[in-house]
PDB file of N, CA and C in Angstrom:
ATOM      1  N   UNK A   1      -6.510  -6.704  20.599  1.00  0.00           N
ATOM      2  CA  UNK A   1      -5.459  -5.700  21.438  1.00  0.00           C
ATOM      3  C   UNK A   1      -3.821  -6.162  21.292  1.00  0.00           C
ATOM      4  N   UNK A   2      -3.049  -4.870  21.091  1.00  0.00           N
ATOM      5  CA  UNK A   2      -1.861  -5.493  21.005  1.00  0.00           C
ATOM      6  C   UNK A   2      -1.203  -4.601  22.038  1.00  0.00           C
ATOM      7  N   UNK A   3      -0.571  -5.341  23.160  1.00  0.00           N
ATOM      8  CA  UNK A   3      -0.073  -4.987  24.481  1.00  0.00           C
ATOM      9  C   UNK A   3       1.038  -4.247  24.322  1.00  0.00           C
ATOM     10  N   UNK A   4       1.291  -2.837  25.014  1.00  0.00           N
ATOM     11  CA  UNK A   4       2.442  -2.240  24.686  1.00  0.00           C
ATOM     12  C   UNK A   4       3.718  -2.498  25.035  1.00  0.00           C
ATOM     13  N   UNK A   5       4.278  -3.671  24.858  1.00  0.00           N
ATOM     14  CA  UNK A   5       5.459  -4.251  25.067  1.00  0.00           C
ATOM     15  C   UNK A   5       6.631  -3.637  24.677  1.00  0.00           C
ATOM     16  N   UNK A   6       7.049  -2.736  23.398  1.00  0.00           N
ATOM     17  CA  UNK A   6       7.825  -2.214  23.091  1.00  0.00           C
ATOM     18  C   UNK A   6       8.080  -1.188  24.043  1.00  0.00           C
ATOM     19  N   UNK A   7       7.023  -0.243  24.185  1.00  0.00           N
ATOM     20  CA  UNK A   7       7.095   0.854  25.070  1.00  0.00           C
ATOM     21  C   UNK A   7       7.630   0.682  26.652  1.00  0.00           C
ATOM     22  N   UNK A   8       6.983  -0.503  27.236  1.00  0.00           N
ATOM     23  CA  UNK A   8       7.394  -0.663  28.197  1.00  0.00           C
ATOM     24  C   UNK A   8       8.793  -1.160  28.341  1.00  0.00           C
ATOM     25  N   UNK A   9       9.325  -1.769  27.588  1.00  0.00           N
ATOM     26  CA  UNK A   9      10.750  -2.187  27.644  1.00  0.00           C
ATOM     27  C   UNK A   9      11.514  -0.993  27.462  1.00  0.00           C
ATOM     28  N   UNK A  10      10.944  -0.376  26.341  1.00  0.00           N
ATOM     29  CA  UNK A  10      11.835   1.037  26.334  1.00  0.00           C
ATOM     30  C   UNK A  10      12.171   2.104  27.328  1.00  0.00           C
ATOM     31  N   UNK A  11      10.919   2.090  28.223  1.00  0.00           N
ATOM     32  CA  UNK A  11      11.064   3.020  29.311  1.00  0.00           C
ATOM     33  C   UNK A  11      11.804   2.591  30.409  1.00  0.00           C
ATOM     34  N   UNK A  12      12.096   1.268  30.618  1.00  0.00           N
ATOM     35  CA  UNK A  12      12.926   0.584  31.415  1.00  0.00           C
ATOM     36  C   UNK A  12      14.709   1.442  31.266  1.00  0.00           C
ATOM     37  N   UNK A  13      15.092   1.960  31.855  1.00  0.00           N
ATOM     38  CA  UNK A  13      16.587   2.022  31.815  1.00  0.00           C
ATOM     39  C   UNK A  13      17.560   1.046  31.958  1.00  0.00           C
ATOM     40  N   UNK A  14      16.844   0.003  32.781  1.00  0.00           N
ATOM     41  CA  UNK A  14      18.030  -1.353  32.978  1.00  0.00           C
ATOM     42  C   UNK A  14      17.824  -2.211  31.496  1.00  0.00           C
ATOM     43  N   UNK A  15      16.617  -2.254  30.945  1.00  0.00           N
ATOM     44  CA  UNK A  15      16.359  -3.098  29.966  1.00  0.00           C
ATOM     45  C   UNK A  15      17.456  -2.375  28.839  1.00  0.00           C
ATOM     46  N   UNK A  16      17.206  -0.971  28.808  1.00  0.00           N
ATOM     47  CA  UNK A  16      18.009  -0.266  27.335  1.00  0.00           C
ATOM     48  C   UNK A  16      19.628  -0.137  27.906  1.00  0.00           C
ATOM     49  N   UNK A  17      20.013  -0.650  28.756  1.00  0.00           N
ATOM     50  CA  UNK A  17      21.321  -0.423  29.127  1.00  0.00           C
ATOM     51  C   UNK A  17      21.880  -1.881  28.394  1.00  0.00           C
ATOM     52  N   UNK A  18      20.843  -2.904  28.451  1.00  0.00           N
ATOM     53  CA  UNK A  18      21.574  -3.978  28.078  1.00  0.00           C
ATOM     54  C   UNK A  18      21.013  -4.247  26.438  1.00  0.00           C
ATOM     55  N   UNK A  19      19.942  -3.963  25.811  1.00  0.00           N
ATOM     56  CA  UNK A  19      19.725  -4.382  24.419  1.00  0.00           C
ATOM     57  C   UNK A  19      19.613  -3.125  23.815  1.00  0.00           C
ATOM     58  N   UNK A  20      19.695  -1.656  24.149  1.00  0.00           N
ATOM     59  CA  UNK A  20      19.205  -0.708  23.277  1.00  0.00           C
ATOM     60  C   UNK A  20      17.838  -0.748  22.945  1.00  0.00           C
ATOM     61  N   UNK A  21      17.658  -0.635  21.618  1.00  0.00           N
ATOM     62  CA  UNK A  21      16.337  -0.879  20.979  1.00  0.00           C
ATOM     63  C   UNK A  21      16.507  -1.956  20.176  1.00  0.00           C
ATOM     64  N   UNK A  22      17.122  -3.196  20.466  1.00  0.00           N
ATOM     65  CA  UNK A  22      17.131  -4.288  19.543  1.00  0.00           C
ATOM     66  C   UNK A  22      16.165  -5.107  20.387  1.00  0.00           C
ATOM     67  N   UNK A  23      14.544  -4.918  20.041  1.00  0.00           N
ATOM     68  CA  UNK A  23      13.709  -5.380  20.352  1.00  0.00           C
ATOM     69  C   UNK A  23      12.717  -5.841  19.428  1.00  0.00           C
ATOM     70  N   UNK A  24      12.623  -7.170  19.043  1.00  0.00           N
ATOM     71  CA  UNK A  24      11.934  -7.792  17.675  1.00  0.00           C
ATOM     72  C   UNK A  24      10.578  -8.123  18.031  1.00  0.00           C
ATOM     73  N   UNK A  25       9.579  -7.449  17.412  1.00  0.00           N
ATOM     74  CA  UNK A  25       8.102  -8.008  17.365  1.00  0.00           C
ATOM     75  C   UNK A  25       8.077  -9.069  16.569  1.00  0.00           C
ATOM     76  N   UNK A  26       7.071 -10.176  17.010  1.00  0.00           N
ATOM     77  CA  UNK A  26       6.711 -10.994  16.213  1.00  0.00           C
ATOM     78  C   UNK A  26       7.734 -12.366  16.389  1.00  0.00           C
ATOM     79  N   UNK A  27       8.267 -12.024  17.258  1.00  0.00           N
ATOM     80  CA  UNK A  27       9.261 -13.045  17.554  1.00  0.00           C
ATOM     81  C   UNK A  27      10.480 -13.225  16.633  1.00  0.00           C
ATOM     82  N   UNK A  28      10.877 -12.046  15.906  1.00  0.00           N
ATOM     83  CA  UNK A  28      12.417 -12.037  15.085  1.00  0.00           C
ATOM     84  C   UNK A  28      12.781 -10.761  14.876  1.00  0.00           C
ATOM     85  N   UNK A  29      13.799 -11.174  15.007  1.00  0.00           N
ATOM     86  CA  UNK A  29      15.167 -10.066  14.276  1.00  0.00           C
ATOM     87  C   UNK A  29      15.956 -10.338  13.431  1.00  0.00           C
ATOM     88  N   UNK A  30      16.491  -9.601  12.827  1.00  0.00           N
ATOM     89  CA  UNK A  30      17.600  -9.529  11.505  1.00  0.00           C
ATOM     90  C   UNK A  30      18.374 -10.463  11.882  1.00  0.00           C
ATOM     91  N   UNK A  31      19.115 -11.555  10.954  1.00  0.00           N
ATOM     92  CA  UNK A  31      19.963 -12.296  11.391  1.00  0.00           C
ATOM     93  C   UNK A  31      21.338 -11.644  11.983  1.00  0.00           C
ATOM     94  N   UNK A  32      21.365 -10.495  11.671  1.00  0.00           N
ATOM     95  CA  UNK A  32      22.853  -9.957  11.961  1.00  0.00           C
ATOM     96  C   UNK A  32      22.819  -9.098  12.806  1.00  0.00           C
ATOM     97  N   UNK A  33      21.511  -9.281  13.759  1.00  0.00           N
ATOM     98  CA  UNK A  33      21.523  -8.245  14.800  1.00  0.00           C
ATOM     99  C   UNK A  33      22.420  -8.245  16.020  1.00  0.00           C
ATOM    100  N   UNK A  34      22.699  -7.305  16.363  1.00  0.00           N
ATOM    101  CA  UNK A  34      23.559  -7.191  17.653  1.00  0.00           C
ATOM    102  C   UNK A  34      23.053  -7.960  18.721  1.00  0.00           C
ATOM    103  N   UNK A  35      23.991  -8.689  19.340  1.00  0.00           N
ATOM    104  CA  UNK A  35      23.493  -9.197  20.673  1.00  0.00           C
ATOM    105  C   UNK A  35      23.962  -8.592  21.926  1.00  0.00           C
ATOM    106  N   UNK A  36      23.302  -8.409  23.080  1.00  0.00           N
ATOM    107  CA  UNK A  36      22.113  -9.196  23.197  1.00  0.00           C
ATOM    108  C   UNK A  36      21.022  -8.449  22.796  1.00  0.00           C
ATOM    109  N   UNK A  37      19.707  -9.043  22.570  1.00  0.00           N
ATOM    110  CA  UNK A  37      18.390  -8.802  22.015  1.00  0.00           C
ATOM    111  C   UNK A  37      17.282  -9.160  22.581  1.00  0.00           C
ATOM    112  N   UNK A  38      16.077  -8.843  22.247  1.00  0.00           N
ATOM    113  CA  UNK A  38      15.048  -9.550  22.711  1.00  0.00           C
ATOM    114  C   UNK A  38      14.044  -9.752  21.659  1.00  0.00           C
ATOM    115  N   UNK A  39      13.168 -10.647  21.784  1.00  0.00           N
ATOM    116  CA  UNK A  39      12.091 -10.536  20.894  1.00  0.00           C
ATOM    117  C   UNK A  39      10.768 -10.928  21.656  1.00  0.00           C
ATOM    118  N   UNK A  40       9.846 -10.646  20.614  1.00  0.00           N
ATOM    119  CA  UNK A  40       8.618 -11.176  21.636  1.00  0.00           C
ATOM    120  C   UNK A  40       7.407 -11.371  20.709  1.00  0.00           C
ATOM    121  N   UNK A  41       6.320 -11.856  21.196  1.00  0.00           N
ATOM    122  CA  UNK A  41       4.940 -12.455  20.271  1.00  0.00           C
ATOM    123  C   UNK A  41       3.816 -12.600  21.344  1.00  0.00           C
ATOM    124  N   UNK A  42       3.009 -12.247  20.244  1.00  0.00           N
ATOM    125  CA  UNK A  42       1.507 -12.924  21.157  1.00  0.00           C
ATOM    126  C   UNK A  42       1.499 -14.258  21.041  1.00  0.00           C
ATOM    127  N   UNK A  43       0.832 -14.880  21.965  1.00  0.00           N
ATOM    128  CA  UNK A  43       0.991 -16.548  22.149  1.00  0.00           C
ATOM    129  C   UNK A  43      -0.761 -17.014  21.989  1.00  0.00           C
ATOM    130  N   UNK A  44      -1.516 -16.031  22.652  1.00  0.00           N
ATOM    131  CA  UNK A  44      -2.941 -16.222  22.728  1.00  0.00           C
ATOM    132  C   UNK A  44      -3.490 -15.240  23.153  1.00  0.00           C
ATOM    133  N   UNK A  45      -4.906 -15.204  22.597  1.00  0.00           N
ATOM    134  CA  UNK A  45      -5.713 -13.783  23.369  1.00  0.00           C
ATOM    135  C   UNK A  45      -7.390 -14.351  23.128  1.00  0.00           C
ATOM    136  N   UNK A  46      -7.951 -14.186  24.206  1.00  0.00           N
ATOM    137  CA  UNK A  46      -9.126 -14.238  24.164  1.00  0.00           C
ATOM    138  C   UNK A  46     -10.009 -13.487  24.900  1.00  0.00           C
ATOM    139  N   UNK A  47     -11.451 -13.350  24.520  1.00  0.00           N
ATOM    140  CA  UNK A  47     -12.475 -12.122  25.559  1.00  0.00           C
ATOM    141  C   UNK A  47     -12.839 -13.416  26.344  1.00  0.00           C
ATOM    142  N   UNK A  48     -12.945 -13.059  28.050  1.00  0.00           N
ATOM    143  CA  UNK A  48     -13.293 -13.739  28.945  1.00  0.00           C
ATOM    144  C   UNK A  48     -14.885 -13.343  29.007  1.00  0.00           C
ATOM    145  N   UNK A  49     -15.472 -14.166  28.404  1.00  0.00           N
ATOM    146  CA  UNK A  49     -17.205 -13.803  28.714  1.00  0.00           C
ATOM    147  C   UNK A  49     -17.901 -14.312  29.979  1.00  0.00           C
ATOM    148  N   UNK A  50     -18.672 -13.252  30.338  1.00  0.00           N
ATOM    149  CA  UNK A  50     -19.628 -13.679  31.253  1.00  0.00           C
ATOM    150  C   UNK A  50     -21.031 -13.681  30.725  1.00  0.00           C
ATOM    151  N   UNK A  51     -21.383 -14.895  30.745  1.00  0.00           N
ATOM    152  CA  UNK A  51     -22.784 -15.140  30.036  1.00  0.00           C
ATOM    153  C   UNK A  51     -23.729 -13.863  29.998  1.00  0.00           C
ATOM    154  N   UNK A  52     -24.103 -13.405  31.700  1.00  0.00           N
ATOM    155  CA  UNK A  52     -25.166 -12.550  31.557  1.00  0.00           C
ATOM    156  C   UNK A  52     -24.787 -11.198  31.249  1.00  0.00           C
ATOM    157  N   UNK A  53     -23.510 -10.743  30.663  1.00  0.00           N
ATOM    158  CA  UNK A  53     -22.833  -9.475  30.543  1.00  0.00           C
ATOM    159  C   UNK A  53     -22.880  -9.266  28.945  1.00  0.00           C
ATOM    160  N   UNK A  54     -22.964 -10.163  28.138  1.00  0.00           N
ATOM    161  CA  UNK A  54     -22.794  -9.962  26.640  1.00  0.00           C
ATOM    162  C   UNK A  54     -21.376  -9.870  26.394  1.00  0.00           C
ATOM    163  N   UNK A  55     -21.085  -8.724  25.678  1.00  0.00           N
ATOM    164  CA  UNK A  55     -19.783  -8.464  25.347  1.00  0.00           C
ATOM    165  C   UNK A  55     -18.734  -8.896  26.335  1.00  0.00           C
ATOM    166  N   UNK A  56     -17.593  -9.590  26.141  1.00  0.00           N
ATOM    167  CA  UNK A  56     -16.623  -9.870  27.480  1.00  0.00           C
ATOM    168  C   UNK A  56     -16.201  -8.660  27.967  1.00  0.00           C
ATOM    169  N   UNK A  57     -16.355  -8.629  29.140  1.00  0.00           N
ATOM    170  CA  UNK A  57     -15.649  -7.231  30.078  1.00  0.00           C
ATOM    171  C   UNK A  57     -14.177  -7.253  29.639  1.00  0.00           C
ATOM    172  N   UNK A  58     -13.289  -8.054  29.257  1.00  0.00           N
ATOM    173  CA  UNK A  58     -12.014  -7.927  29.276  1.00  0.00           C
ATOM    174  C   UNK A  58     -11.687  -8.920  28.592  1.00  0.00           C
ATOM    175  N   UNK A  59     -10.258  -8.487  27.640  1.00  0.00           N
ATOM    176  CA  UNK A  59      -9.593  -9.335  26.679  1.00  0.00           C
ATOM    177  C   UNK A  59      -8.306  -9.880  27.567  1.00  0.00           C
ATOM    178  N   UNK A  60      -7.871 -11.020  27.443  1.00  0.00           N
ATOM    179  CA  UNK A  60      -6.707 -11.540  27.952  1.00  0.00           C
ATOM    180  C   UNK A  60      -5.600 -11.714  26.880  1.00  0.00           C
ATOM    181  N   UNK A  61      -4.429 -11.332  26.805  1.00  0.00           N
ATOM    182  CA  UNK A  61      -3.519 -11.351  25.698  1.00  0.00           C
ATOM    183  C   UNK A  61      -2.321 -12.131  26.598  1.00  0.00           C
ATOM    184  N   UNK A  62      -2.041 -13.362  25.879  1.00  0.00           N
ATOM    185  CA  UNK A  62      -0.348 -14.175  26.612  1.00  0.00           C
ATOM    186  C   UNK A  62       0.412 -13.787  25.648  1.00  0.00           C
ATOM    187  N   UNK A  63       1.964 -12.849  26.147  1.00  0.00           N
ATOM    188  CA  UNK A  63       2.549 -12.550  25.385  1.00  0.00           C
ATOM    189  C   UNK A  63       4.010 -13.327  25.823  1.00  0.00           C
ATOM    190  N   UNK A  64       4.594 -13.780  24.919  1.00  0.00           N
ATOM    191  CA  UNK A  64       6.008 -14.471  25.310  1.00  0.00           C
ATOM    192  C   UNK A  64       7.180 -13.367  25.114  1.00  0.00           C
ATOM    193  N   UNK A  65       8.133 -13.445  25.672  1.00  0.00           N
ATOM    194  CA  UNK A  65       9.432 -12.489  25.512  1.00  0.00           C
ATOM    195  C   UNK A  65      10.447 -13.236  25.817  1.00  0.00           C
ATOM    196  N   UNK A  66      11.083 -13.522  24.701  1.00  0.00           N
ATOM    197  CA  UNK A  66      12.594 -14.165  24.694  1.00  0.00           C
ATOM    198  C   UNK A  66      13.749 -13.119  24.810  1.00  0.00           C
ATOM    199  N   UNK A  67      14.246 -13.572  25.547  1.00  0.00           N
ATOM    200  CA  UNK A  67      15.457 -12.963  26.225  1.00  0.00           C
ATOM    201  C   UNK A  67      16.920 -13.530  25.785  1.00  0.00           C
ATOM    202  N   UNK A  68      17.825 -12.945  25.054  1.00  0.00           N
ATOM    203  CA  UNK A  68      18.955 -13.866  23.887  1.00  0.00           C
ATOM    204  C   UNK A  68      19.789 -13.114  24.545  1.00  0.00           C
ATOM    205  N   UNK A  69      21.223 -13.681  25.117  1.00  0.00           N
ATOM    206  CA  UNK A  69      22.378 -13.297  25.375  1.00  0.00           C
ATOM    207  C   UNK A  69      23.575 -14.141  25.277  1.00  0.00           C
ATOM    208  N   UNK A  70      24.891 -13.825  25.085  1.00  0.00           N
ATOM    209  CA  UNK A  70      25.882 -14.648  24.962  1.00  0.00           C
ATOM    210  C   UNK A  70      26.104 -15.205  25.965  1.00  0.00           C
ATOM    211  N   UNK A  71      25.873 -14.775  27.435  1.00  0.00           N
ATOM    212  CA  UNK A  71      26.515 -15.520  28.336  1.00  0.00           C
ATOM    213  C   UNK A  71      24.944 -16.156  29.252  1.00  0.00           C
ATOM    214  N   UNK A  72      25.489 -16.992  30.232  1.00  0.00           N
ATOM    215  CA  UNK A  72      24.356 -17.487  30.901  1.00  0.00           C
ATOM    216  C   UNK A  72      24.075 -16.380  31.986  1.00  0.00           C
ATOM    217  N   UNK A  73      24.766 -15.891  32.830  1.00  0.00           N
ATOM    218  CA  UNK A  73      24.617 -14.743  33.509  1.00  0.00           C
ATOM    219  C   UNK A  73      23.706 -13.597  32.951  1.00  0.00           C
ATOM    220  N   UNK A  74      24.337 -13.228  31.895  1.00  0.00           N
ATOM    221  CA  UNK A  74      23.897 -12.048  31.058  1.00  0.00           C
ATOM    222  C   UNK A  74      22.526 -12.612  30.992  1.00  0.00           C
ATOM    223  N   UNK A  75      21.932 -13.689  30.235  1.00  0.00           N
ATOM    224  CA  UNK A  75      20.416 -13.898  30.086  1.00  0.00           C
ATOM    225  C   UNK A  75      19.513 -13.798  31.157  1.00  0.00           C
ATOM    226  N   UNK A  76      20.163 -14.118  32.394  1.00  0.00           N
ATOM    227  CA  UNK A  76      19.207 -14.041  33.811  1.00  0.00           C
ATOM    228  C   UNK A  76      19.111 -12.836  34.104  1.00  0.00           C
ATOM    229  N   UNK A  77      20.543 -12.045  34.128  1.00  0.00           N
ATOM    230  CA  UNK A  77      20.302 -10.597  34.504  1.00  0.00           C
ATOM    231  C   UNK A  77      18.900  -9.835  33.412  1.00  0.00           C
ATOM    232  N   UNK A  78      19.196  -9.962  32.016  1.00  0.00           N
ATOM    233  CA  UNK A  78      18.179  -9.406  31.411  1.00  0.00           C
ATOM    234  C   UNK A  78      16.857  -9.969  31.522  1.00  0.00           C
ATOM    235  N   UNK A  79      16.638 -11.237  31.900  1.00  0.00           N
ATOM    236  CA  UNK A  79      15.028 -11.543  31.999  1.00  0.00           C
ATOM    237  C   UNK A  79      14.470 -10.844  33.286  1.00  0.00           C
ATOM    238  N   UNK A  80      15.680 -11.169  34.383  1.00  0.00           N
ATOM    239  CA  UNK A  80      14.822 -10.166  35.480  1.00  0.00           C
ATOM    240  C   UNK A  80      14.743  -8.927  35.252  1.00  0.00           C
ATOM    241  N   UNK A  81      15.391  -8.037  34.510  1.00  0.00           N
ATOM    242  CA  UNK A  81      15.155  -6.499  33.998  1.00  0.00           C
ATOM    243  C   UNK A  81      13.689  -6.531  33.216  1.00  0.00           C
ATOM    244  N   UNK A  82      13.503  -7.541  32.486  1.00  0.00           N
ATOM    245  CA  UNK A  82      12.479  -7.666  31.480  1.00  0.00           C
ATOM    246  C   UNK A  82      11.033  -7.616  32.633  1.00  0.00           C
ATOM    247  N   UNK A  83      11.163  -8.436  33.477  1.00  0.00           N
ATOM    248  CA  UNK A  83      10.265  -8.825  34.472  1.00  0.00           C
ATOM    249  C   UNK A  83       9.831  -7.561  35.160  1.00  0.00           C
ATOM    250  N   UNK A  84      10.718  -7.015  35.591  1.00  0.00           N
ATOM    251  CA  UNK A  84      10.490  -5.738  36.415  1.00  0.00           C
ATOM    252  C   UNK A  84       9.825  -4.593  35.248  1.00  0.00           C
ATOM    253  N   UNK A  85      10.442  -4.834  34.176  1.00  0.00           N
ATOM    254  CA  UNK A  85       9.738  -3.725  33.410  1.00  0.00           C
ATOM    255  C   UNK A  85       8.101  -4.205  33.099  1.00  0.00           C
ATOM    256  N   UNK A  86       7.730  -5.334  32.834  1.00  0.00           N
ATOM    257  CA  UNK A  86       6.561  -5.525  32.118  1.00  0.00           C
ATOM    258  C   UNK A  86       5.639  -6.052  33.425  1.00  0.00           C
ATOM    259  N   UNK A  87       6.105  -6.048  34.749  1.00  0.00           N
ATOM    260  CA  UNK A  87       4.873  -6.706  35.779  1.00  0.00           C
ATOM    261  C   UNK A  87       4.345  -5.202  36.279  1.00  0.00           C
ATOM    262  N   UNK A  88       4.579  -4.426  35.845  1.00  0.00           N
ATOM    263  CA  UNK A  88       3.355  -3.129  36.338  1.00  0.00           C
ATOM    264  C   UNK A  88       2.539  -2.953  35.677  1.00  0.00           C
ATOM    265  N   UNK A  89       2.553  -3.669  34.423  1.00  0.00           N
ATOM    266  CA  UNK A  89       1.137  -3.807  33.351  1.00  0.00           C
ATOM    267  C   UNK A  89       0.395  -5.038  33.335  1.00  0.00           C
ATOM    268  N   UNK A  90       1.289  -5.952  33.760  1.00  0.00           N
ATOM    269  CA  UNK A  90       0.778  -7.767  33.087  1.00  0.00           C
ATOM    270  C   UNK A  90       1.190  -8.649  34.310  1.00  0.00           C
ATOM    271  N   UNK A  91       0.660  -9.687  34.217  1.00  0.00           N
ATOM    272  CA  UNK A  91       1.074 -10.706  34.915  1.00  0.00           C
ATOM    273  C   UNK A  91       2.069 -11.588  34.694  1.00  0.00           C
ATOM    274  N   UNK A  92       3.168 -12.041  35.330  1.00  0.00           N
ATOM    275  CA  UNK A  92       4.015 -12.780  34.944  1.00  0.00           C
ATOM    276  C   UNK A  92       3.577 -14.367  35.185  1.00  0.00           C
ATOM    277  N   UNK A  93       3.250 -15.219  34.210  1.00  0.00           N
ATOM    278  CA  UNK A  93       2.348 -16.410  33.956  1.00  0.00           C
ATOM    279  C   UNK A  93       3.524 -17.896  34.130  1.00  0.00           C
ATOM    280  N   UNK A  94       4.879 -17.315  33.820  1.00  0.00           N
ATOM    281  CA  UNK A  94       5.800 -18.439  33.733  1.00  0.00           C
ATOM    282  C   UNK A  94       7.150 -18.246  32.710  1.00  0.00           C
ATOM    283  N   UNK A  95       8.157 -19.021  33.109  1.00  0.00           N
ATOM    284  CA  UNK A  95       9.101 -19.304  32.432  1.00  0.00           C
ATOM    285  C   UNK A  95       8.827 -20.422  31.287  1.00  0.00           C
ATOM    286  N   UNK A  96       8.772 -20.327  30.320  1.00  0.00           N
ATOM    287  CA  UNK A  96       8.476 -21.366  29.305  1.00  0.00           C
ATOM    288  C   UNK A  96       9.807 -22.162  28.571  1.00  0.00           C
ATOM    289  N   UNK A  97      10.682 -21.293  28.418  1.00  0.00           N
ATOM    290  CA  UNK A  97      11.992 -22.041  27.889  1.00  0.00           C
ATOM    291  C   UNK A  97      13.042 -21.654  28.359  1.00  0.00           C
ATOM    292  N   UNK A  98      14.009 -22.303  28.646  1.00  0.00           N
ATOM    293  CA  UNK A  98      15.430 -21.989  29.389  1.00  0.00           C
ATOM    294  C   UNK A  98      16.573 -23.001  28.450  1.00  0.00           C
ATOM    295  N   UNK A  99      17.236 -22.384  27.427  1.00  0.00           N
ATOM    296  CA  UNK A  99      18.069 -23.168  26.551  1.00  0.00           C
ATOM    297  C   UNK A  99      19.004 -22.430  26.098  1.00  0.00           C
ATOM    298  N   UNK A 100      19.758 -23.152  25.323  1.00  0.00           N
ATOM    299  CA  UNK A 100      20.862 -22.478  24.407  1.00  0.00           C
ATOM    300  C   UNK A 100      20.670 -22.907  22.932  1.00  0.00           C
ATOM    301  N   UNK A 101      20.731 -21.882  22.280  1.00  0.00           N
ATOM    302  CA  UNK A 101      20.287 -22.092  20.591  1.00  0.00           C
ATOM    303  C   UNK A 101      21.648 -22.703  20.100  1.00  0.00           C
ATOM    304  N   UNK A 102      21.594 -23.840  19.110  1.00  0.00           N
ATOM    305  CA  UNK A 102      22.461 -24.597  19.092  1.00  0.00           C
ATOM    306  C   UNK A 102      23.251 -23.838  17.678  1.00  0.00           C
ATOM    307  N   UNK A 103      22.653 -23.333  17.047  1.00  0.00           N
ATOM    308  CA  UNK A 103      22.884 -22.190  15.864  1.00  0.00           C
ATOM    309  C   UNK A 103      23.717 -21.200  16.021  1.00  0.00           C
ATOM    310  N   UNK A 104      23.226 -20.257  16.888  1.00  0.00           N
ATOM    311  CA  UNK A 104      23.834 -18.994  17.414  1.00  0.00           C
ATOM    312  C   UNK A 104      24.491 -19.203  18.841  1.00  0.00           C
ATOM    313  N   UNK A 105      24.586 -20.140  19.696  1.00  0.00           N
ATOM    314  CA  UNK A 105      24.807 -20.164  20.587  1.00  0.00           C
ATOM    315  C   UNK A 105      24.737 -19.321  21.866  1.00  0.00           C
ATOM    316  N   UNK A 106      23.757 -18.583  21.518  1.00  0.00           N
ATOM    317  CA  UNK A 106      23.064 -17.443  22.424  1.00  0.00           C
ATOM    318  C   UNK A 106      22.218 -18.235  23.230  1.00  0.00           C
ATOM    319  N   UNK A 107      22.109 -18.125  24.850  1.00  0.00           N
ATOM    320  CA  UNK A 107      21.356 -18.465  25.778  1.00  0.00           C
ATOM    321  C   UNK A 107      19.800 -17.723  25.577  1.00  0.00           C
ATOM    322  N   UNK A 108      18.796 -18.387  25.977  1.00  0.00           N
ATOM    323  CA  UNK A 108      17.491 -17.920  25.724  1.00  0.00           C
ATOM    324  C   UNK A 108      16.671 -18.204  26.939  1.00  0.00           C
ATOM    325  N   UNK A 109      16.155 -17.329  27.790  1.00  0.00           N
ATOM    326  CA  UNK A 109      15.241 -17.217  28.538  1.00  0.00           C
ATOM    327  C   UNK A 109      13.645 -16.881  28.152  1.00  0.00           C
ATOM    328  N   UNK A 110      12.784 -17.576  27.894  1.00  0.00           N
ATOM    329  CA  UNK A 110      11.609 -17.366  27.420  1.00  0.00           C
ATOM    330  C   UNK A 110      10.239 -16.769  28.734  1.00  0.00           C
ATOM    331  N   UNK A 111       9.992 -15.558  28.774  1.00  0.00           N
ATOM    332  CA  UNK A 111       9.045 -15.621  30.008  1.00  0.00           C
ATOM    333  C   UNK A 111       7.772 -15.282  29.227  1.00  0.00           C
ATOM    334  N   UNK A 112       6.555 -15.530  29.954  1.00  0.00           N
ATOM    335  CA  UNK A 112       5.247 -15.206  29.753  1.00  0.00           C
ATOM    336  C   UNK A 112       4.547 -14.307  30.613  1.00  0.00           C
ATOM    337  N   UNK A 113       3.748 -13.344  29.949  1.00  0.00           N
ATOM    338  CA  UNK A 113       2.966 -12.478  30.956  1.00  0.00           C
ATOM    339  C   UNK A 113       1.280 -12.495  30.003  1.00  0.00           C
ATOM    340  N   UNK A 114       0.505 -12.118  31.108  1.00  0.00           N
ATOM    341  CA  UNK A 114      -0.940 -11.936  30.948  1.00  0.00           C
ATOM    342  C   UNK A 114      -1.578 -10.619  31.066  1.00  0.00           C
ATOM    343  N   UNK A 115      -1.697 -10.138  29.704  1.00  0.00           N
ATOM    344  CA  UNK A 115      -2.396  -8.591  29.840  1.00  0.00           C
ATOM    345  C   UNK A 115      -3.905  -9.042  29.901  1.00  0.00           C
ATOM    346  N   UNK A 116      -4.213  -7.685  30.540  1.00  0.00           N
ATOM    347  CA  UNK A 116      -5.939  -7.755  30.703  1.00  0.00           C
ATOM    348  C   UNK A 116      -6.380  -6.107  30.015  1.00  0.00           C
ATOM    349  N   UNK A 117      -6.988  -6.137  29.549  1.00  0.00           N
ATOM    350  CA  UNK A 117      -7.686  -4.982  28.828  1.00  0.00           C
ATOM    351  C   UNK A 117      -8.981  -5.371  28.928  1.00  0.00           C
ATOM    352  N   UNK A 118      -9.642  -4.241  29.869  1.00  0.00           N
ATOM    353  CA  UNK A 118     -10.928  -3.968  30.316  1.00  0.00           C
ATOM    354  C   UNK A 118     -11.736  -3.214  29.797  1.00  0.00           C
ATOM    355  N   UNK A 119     -12.962  -3.556  29.123  1.00  0.00           N
ATOM    356  CA  UNK A 119     -13.843  -2.601  28.601  1.00  0.00           C
ATOM    357  C   UNK A 119     -14.751  -1.946  29.246  1.00  0.00           C
TER     358      UNK A 119
END
């Protein structure tokens, strides 16, 4: 299962106001991408098995969304809007990175979300 990350982010007028359509799947964007932007990737995924039920009744997919911005305040604002856009469909499970990239000098906040798909 691939969670609907792109469509959830694009449906948020607040997110689009900040990054437009600069949302890179698989954790990448082009080197010359305009700033700010988002990247996302699947971190893990598994079926939650209940032994007496046969096939897993649902899958849990963990996604990391990286917010990139040229200012500290900007990356915080972007991360808050991303969380608002995603939490209607997923559970926020934590912030896993808060840093400034040495090469690009962009600020980065990485958020993780758990998506459940029931069968």
